Amino acid sequence: MQDLAFYETMSDLSGKMVRAAQANDWDRLVELERSVAGMRDRLDPLPMPAPQPERERKIHLIRKILEDDAEVRRHTEPWLEATRKFLARQDAARAPREL
């Protein structure tokens, strides 16, 4: 069973991921993402029923984590698309030219 502190920590890390993405600090973002992924992999797939206040807090934290994830993607997807285009141009420049 996961206690509330586990979700609080994940939420804190997801907030830090947002700040790293906003600052274009990709190394820090990757580091934080690895931490969150490790925690996510340890989540109990069948958590024990929790008292209503704890359940509501977990729901709030999960929603915040999902919102933070969307915000991180809002910052990273344009960068990833630009990188894809750059790499495609580099591949095209290296391709043998037809005569």
N, C-alpha and C. Protein backbone atom coordinates (compact mmCIF):
# COMPACT_ATOMS: atom_id res chain seq x y z
N MET A 1 0.85 -1.19 0.00
CA MET A 1 0.00 0.00 0.00
C MET A 1 0.89 1.24 0.00
N GLN A 2 0.50 2.23 -0.78
CA GLN A 2 1.25 3.47 -0.86
C GLN A 2 0.68 4.46 0.14
N ASP A 3 1.56 5.07 0.90
CA ASP A 3 1.05 6.10 1.80
C ASP A 3 1.02 7.44 1.09
N LEU A 4 0.37 8.37 1.71
CA LEU A 4 0.17 9.69 1.12
C LEU A 4 1.49 10.39 0.82
N ALA A 5 2.51 10.16 1.64
CA ALA A 5 3.81 10.80 1.43
C ALA A 5 4.41 10.41 0.09
N PHE A 6 4.15 9.19 -0.37
CA PHE A 6 4.65 8.73 -1.67
C PHE A 6 4.09 9.61 -2.78
N TYR A 7 2.78 9.86 -2.74
CA TYR A 7 2.13 10.71 -3.75
C TYR A 7 2.57 12.17 -3.62
N GLU A 8 2.77 12.62 -2.40
CA GLU A 8 3.27 13.98 -2.18
C GLU A 8 4.64 14.15 -2.83
N THR A 9 5.49 13.15 -2.67
CA THR A 9 6.83 13.22 -3.26
C THR A 9 6.75 13.22 -4.78
N MET A 10 5.92 12.36 -5.35
CA MET A 10 5.76 12.34 -6.80
C MET A 10 5.25 13.69 -7.31
N SER A 11 4.32 14.27 -6.60
CA SER A 11 3.77 15.57 -6.98
C SER A 11 4.84 16.65 -6.92
N ASP A 12 5.64 16.62 -5.87
CA ASP A 12 6.74 17.59 -5.74
C ASP A 12 7.72 17.46 -6.91
N LEU A 13 8.07 16.22 -7.24
CA LEU A 13 8.99 16.00 -8.36
C LEU A 13 8.38 16.45 -9.69
N SER A 14 7.08 16.21 -9.87
CA SER A 14 6.46 16.63 -11.13
C SER A 14 6.44 18.15 -11.24
N GLY A 15 6.28 18.85 -10.12
CA GLY A 15 6.36 20.31 -10.14
C GLY A 15 7.76 20.78 -10.51
N LYS A 16 8.76 20.08 -10.02
CA LYS A 16 10.15 20.42 -10.37
C LYS A 16 10.41 20.15 -11.85
N MET A 17 9.77 19.11 -12.40
CA MET A 17 9.90 18.82 -13.82
C MET A 17 9.34 19.97 -14.65
N VAL A 18 8.22 20.52 -14.23
CA VAL A 18 7.64 21.67 -14.94
C VAL A 18 8.62 22.83 -14.95
N ARG A 19 9.20 23.13 -13.79
CA ARG A 19 10.14 24.25 -13.72
C ARG A 19 11.38 24.00 -14.57
N ALA A 20 11.85 22.76 -14.60
CA ALA A 20 13.01 22.43 -15.44
C ALA A 20 12.66 22.59 -16.92
N ALA A 21 11.48 22.15 -17.32
CA ALA A 21 11.05 22.28 -18.72
C ALA A 21 10.91 23.76 -19.10
N GLN A 22 10.34 24.54 -18.20
CA GLN A 22 10.17 25.97 -18.47
C GLN A 22 11.51 26.66 -18.63
N ALA A 23 12.52 26.17 -17.92
CA ALA A 23 13.87 26.76 -17.97
C ALA A 23 14.74 26.14 -19.07
N ASN A 24 14.14 25.21 -19.83
CA ASN A 24 14.91 24.48 -20.86
C ASN A 24 16.11 23.77 -20.25
N ASP A 25 15.98 23.31 -19.02
CA ASP A 25 17.04 22.58 -18.33
C ASP A 25 16.79 21.09 -18.57
N TRP A 26 17.19 20.63 -19.77
CA TRP A 26 16.84 19.29 -20.20
C TRP A 26 17.54 18.22 -19.37
N ASP A 27 18.77 18.47 -18.95
CA ASP A 27 19.47 17.48 -18.12
C ASP A 27 18.74 17.26 -16.80
N ARG A 28 18.33 18.34 -16.18
CA ARG A 28 17.59 18.23 -14.90
C ARG A 28 16.24 17.56 -15.13
N LEU A 29 15.60 17.90 -16.24
CA LEU A 29 14.30 17.29 -16.55
C LEU A 29 14.43 15.78 -16.69
N VAL A 30 15.46 15.34 -17.40
CA VAL A 30 15.68 13.89 -17.57
C VAL A 30 15.93 13.23 -16.22
N GLU A 31 16.74 13.86 -15.41
CA GLU A 31 17.04 13.32 -14.07
C GLU A 31 15.76 13.17 -13.24
N LEU A 32 14.94 14.22 -13.24
CA LEU A 32 13.69 14.18 -12.48
C LEU A 32 12.72 13.16 -13.05
N GLU A 33 12.67 13.06 -14.37
CA GLU A 33 11.77 12.10 -15.00
C GLU A 33 12.14 10.68 -14.61
N ARG A 34 13.42 10.41 -14.53
CA ARG A 34 13.87 9.07 -14.10
C ARG A 34 13.41 8.77 -12.69
N SER A 35 13.48 9.77 -11.82
CA SER A 35 13.03 9.58 -10.44
C SER A 35 11.54 9.30 -10.39
N VAL A 36 10.77 10.08 -11.13
CA VAL A 36 9.32 9.88 -11.14
C VAL A 36 8.97 8.52 -11.75
N ALA A 37 9.66 8.15 -12.83
CA ALA A 37 9.39 6.86 -13.47
C ALA A 37 9.67 5.71 -12.50
N GLY A 38 10.74 5.82 -11.74
CA GLY A 38 11.04 4.79 -10.75
C GLY A 38 9.96 4.68 -9.70
N MET A 39 9.46 5.81 -9.28
CA MET A 39 8.37 5.79 -8.29
C MET A 39 7.09 5.23 -8.92
N ARG A 40 6.81 5.65 -10.15
CA ARG A 40 5.61 5.18 -10.84
C ARG A 40 5.65 3.66 -10.98
N ASP A 41 6.82 3.12 -11.25
CA ASP A 41 6.96 1.67 -11.41
C ASP A 41 6.72 0.93 -10.10
N ARG A 42 6.85 1.62 -8.99
CA ARG A 42 6.63 1.00 -7.68
C ARG A 42 5.21 1.18 -7.16
N LEU A 43 4.37 1.87 -7.92
CA LEU A 43 2.99 2.06 -7.47
C LEU A 43 2.28 0.73 -7.32
N ASP A 44 1.51 0.61 -6.29
CA ASP A 44 0.73 -0.59 -6.03
C ASP A 44 -0.47 -0.60 -6.98
N PRO A 45 -0.58 -1.62 -7.86
CA PRO A 45 -1.69 -1.63 -8.81
C PRO A 45 -3.05 -1.87 -8.15
N LEU A 46 -3.04 -2.46 -6.97
CA LEU A 46 -4.28 -2.72 -6.24
C LEU A 46 -4.19 -2.14 -4.83
N PRO A 47 -4.26 -0.82 -4.74
CA PRO A 47 -4.10 -0.21 -3.42
C PRO A 47 -5.25 -0.59 -2.49
N MET A 48 -4.94 -0.63 -1.22
CA MET A 48 -5.96 -0.91 -0.20
C MET A 48 -6.88 0.29 -0.10
N PRO A 49 -8.14 0.04 0.23
CA PRO A 49 -9.06 1.18 0.42
C PRO A 49 -8.52 2.13 1.49
N ALA A 50 -8.68 3.41 1.23
CA ALA A 50 -8.18 4.42 2.16
C ALA A 50 -9.36 5.23 2.68
N PRO A 51 -9.18 5.84 3.84
CA PRO A 51 -10.24 6.72 4.34
C PRO A 51 -10.53 7.84 3.33
N GLN A 52 -11.73 8.34 3.33
CA GLN A 52 -12.18 9.35 2.36
C GLN A 52 -11.22 10.55 2.25
N PRO A 53 -10.80 11.18 3.35
CA PRO A 53 -9.91 12.35 3.21
C PRO A 53 -8.59 11.99 2.51
N GLU A 54 -8.03 10.83 2.83
CA GLU A 54 -6.78 10.42 2.20
C GLU A 54 -7.02 10.12 0.72
N ARG A 55 -8.12 9.47 0.40
CA ARG A 55 -8.45 9.16 -0.99
C ARG A 55 -8.62 10.45 -1.80
N GLU A 56 -9.30 11.43 -1.23
CA GLU A 56 -9.49 12.71 -1.91
C GLU A 56 -8.16 13.42 -2.15
N ARG A 57 -7.27 13.37 -1.17
CA ARG A 57 -5.96 14.00 -1.32
C ARG A 57 -5.16 13.30 -2.42
N LYS A 58 -5.20 11.96 -2.46
CA LYS A 58 -4.49 11.23 -3.50
C LYS A 58 -5.04 11.60 -4.88
N ILE A 59 -6.35 11.70 -4.99
CA ILE A 59 -6.97 12.08 -6.26
C ILE A 59 -6.47 13.47 -6.68
N HIS A 60 -6.43 14.39 -5.73
CA HIS A 60 -5.94 15.74 -6.01
C HIS A 60 -4.49 15.69 -6.50
N LEU A 61 -3.66 14.91 -5.82
CA LEU A 61 -2.24 14.81 -6.18
C LEU A 61 -2.06 14.17 -7.56
N ILE A 62 -2.84 13.14 -7.84
CA ILE A 62 -2.74 12.48 -9.14
C ILE A 62 -3.15 13.45 -10.25
N ARG A 63 -4.20 14.21 -10.02
CA ARG A 63 -4.61 15.20 -11.03
C ARG A 63 -3.53 16.25 -11.25
N LYS A 64 -2.88 16.69 -10.17
CA LYS A 64 -1.80 17.67 -10.30
C LYS A 64 -0.64 17.08 -11.09
N ILE A 65 -0.30 15.83 -10.81
CA ILE A 65 0.79 15.17 -11.53
C ILE A 65 0.46 15.10 -13.02
N LEU A 66 -0.78 14.78 -13.36
CA LEU A 66 -1.20 14.72 -14.76
C LEU A 66 -1.17 16.11 -15.41
N GLU A 67 -1.58 17.13 -14.68
CA GLU A 67 -1.51 18.50 -15.19
C GLU A 67 -0.06 18.92 -15.42
N ASP A 68 0.80 18.57 -14.45
CA ASP A 68 2.23 18.88 -14.61
C ASP A 68 2.80 18.17 -15.83
N ASP A 69 2.40 16.92 -16.04
CA ASP A 69 2.88 16.18 -17.20
C ASP A 69 2.47 16.88 -18.50
N ALA A 70 1.24 17.35 -18.56
CA ALA A 70 0.78 18.07 -19.75
C ALA A 70 1.59 19.35 -19.96
N GLU A 71 1.91 20.03 -18.88
CA GLU A 71 2.70 21.27 -18.98
C GLU A 71 4.12 20.96 -19.45
N VAL A 72 4.70 19.90 -18.95
CA VAL A 72 6.05 19.51 -19.40
C VAL A 72 6.01 19.20 -20.90
N ARG A 73 5.00 18.45 -21.34
CA ARG A 73 4.88 18.14 -22.77
C ARG A 73 4.70 19.40 -23.60
N ARG A 74 3.99 20.37 -23.07
CA ARG A 74 3.80 21.63 -23.79
C ARG A 74 5.14 22.31 -24.08
N HIS A 75 6.10 22.13 -23.19
CA HIS A 75 7.42 22.73 -23.38
C HIS A 75 8.37 21.84 -24.18
N THR A 76 8.23 20.53 -24.04
CA THR A 76 9.20 19.63 -24.69
C THR A 76 8.82 19.25 -26.11
N GLU A 77 7.54 19.17 -26.41
CA GLU A 77 7.14 18.72 -27.76
C GLU A 77 7.64 19.65 -28.87
N PRO A 78 7.57 20.97 -28.73
CA PRO A 78 8.13 21.82 -29.80
C PRO A 78 9.64 21.60 -29.97
N TRP A 79 10.35 21.43 -28.88
CA TRP A 79 11.79 21.18 -28.96
C TRP A 79 12.05 19.84 -29.65
N LEU A 80 11.28 18.81 -29.30
CA LEU A 80 11.46 17.51 -29.93
C LEU A 80 11.16 17.57 -31.43
N GLU A 81 10.12 18.30 -31.81
CA GLU A 81 9.78 18.44 -33.23
C GLU A 81 10.90 19.17 -33.98
N ALA A 82 11.43 20.22 -33.39
CA ALA A 82 12.55 20.94 -34.02
C ALA A 82 13.76 20.02 -34.17
N THR A 83 14.01 19.20 -33.18
CA THR A 83 15.13 18.25 -33.24
C THR A 83 14.90 17.22 -34.34
N ARG A 84 13.68 16.70 -34.44
CA ARG A 84 13.37 15.75 -35.51
C ARG A 84 13.63 16.36 -36.89
N LYS A 85 13.17 17.59 -37.08
CA LYS A 85 13.37 18.26 -38.37
C LYS A 85 14.85 18.48 -38.66
N PHE A 86 15.59 18.88 -37.65
CA PHE A 86 17.03 19.09 -37.81
C PHE A 86 17.71 17.79 -38.22
N LEU A 87 17.38 16.70 -37.53
CA LEU A 87 18.01 15.42 -37.86
C LEU A 87 17.61 14.95 -39.25
N ALA A 88 16.37 15.19 -39.65
CA ALA A 88 15.93 14.80 -40.99
C ALA A 88 16.72 15.58 -42.05
N ARG A 89 16.95 16.88 -41.79
CA ARG A 89 17.74 17.67 -42.74
C ARG A 89 19.18 17.15 -42.81
N GLN A 90 19.73 16.76 -41.67
CA GLN A 90 21.10 16.23 -41.65
C GLN A 90 21.17 14.92 -42.42
N ASP A 91 20.18 14.06 -42.24
CA ASP A 91 20.15 12.79 -42.99
C ASP A 91 20.03 13.06 -44.48
N ALA A 92 19.18 14.00 -44.87
CA ALA A 92 19.00 14.31 -46.28
C ALA A 92 20.29 14.87 -46.88
N ALA A 93 21.00 15.65 -46.12
CA ALA A 93 22.26 16.24 -46.62
C ALA A 93 23.33 15.17 -46.81
N ARG A 94 23.29 14.12 -46.02
CA ARG A 94 24.28 13.06 -46.12
C ARG A 94 23.92 11.98 -47.13
N ALA A 95 22.68 11.94 -47.53
CA ALA A 95 22.23 10.91 -48.47
C ALA A 95 22.94 11.08 -49.81
N PRO A 96 23.29 9.96 -50.46
CA PRO A 96 23.94 10.07 -51.77
C PRO A 96 22.98 10.73 -52.77
N ARG A 97 23.52 11.60 -53.53
CA ARG A 97 22.70 12.32 -54.50
C ARG A 97 22.60 11.51 -55.79
N GLU A 98 21.39 11.51 -56.36
CA GLU A 98 21.18 10.84 -57.63
C GLU A 98 21.68 11.72 -58.76
N LEU A 99 22.23 11.09 -59.77
CA LEU A 99 22.74 11.84 -60.92
C LEU A 99 21.72 11.91 -62.01
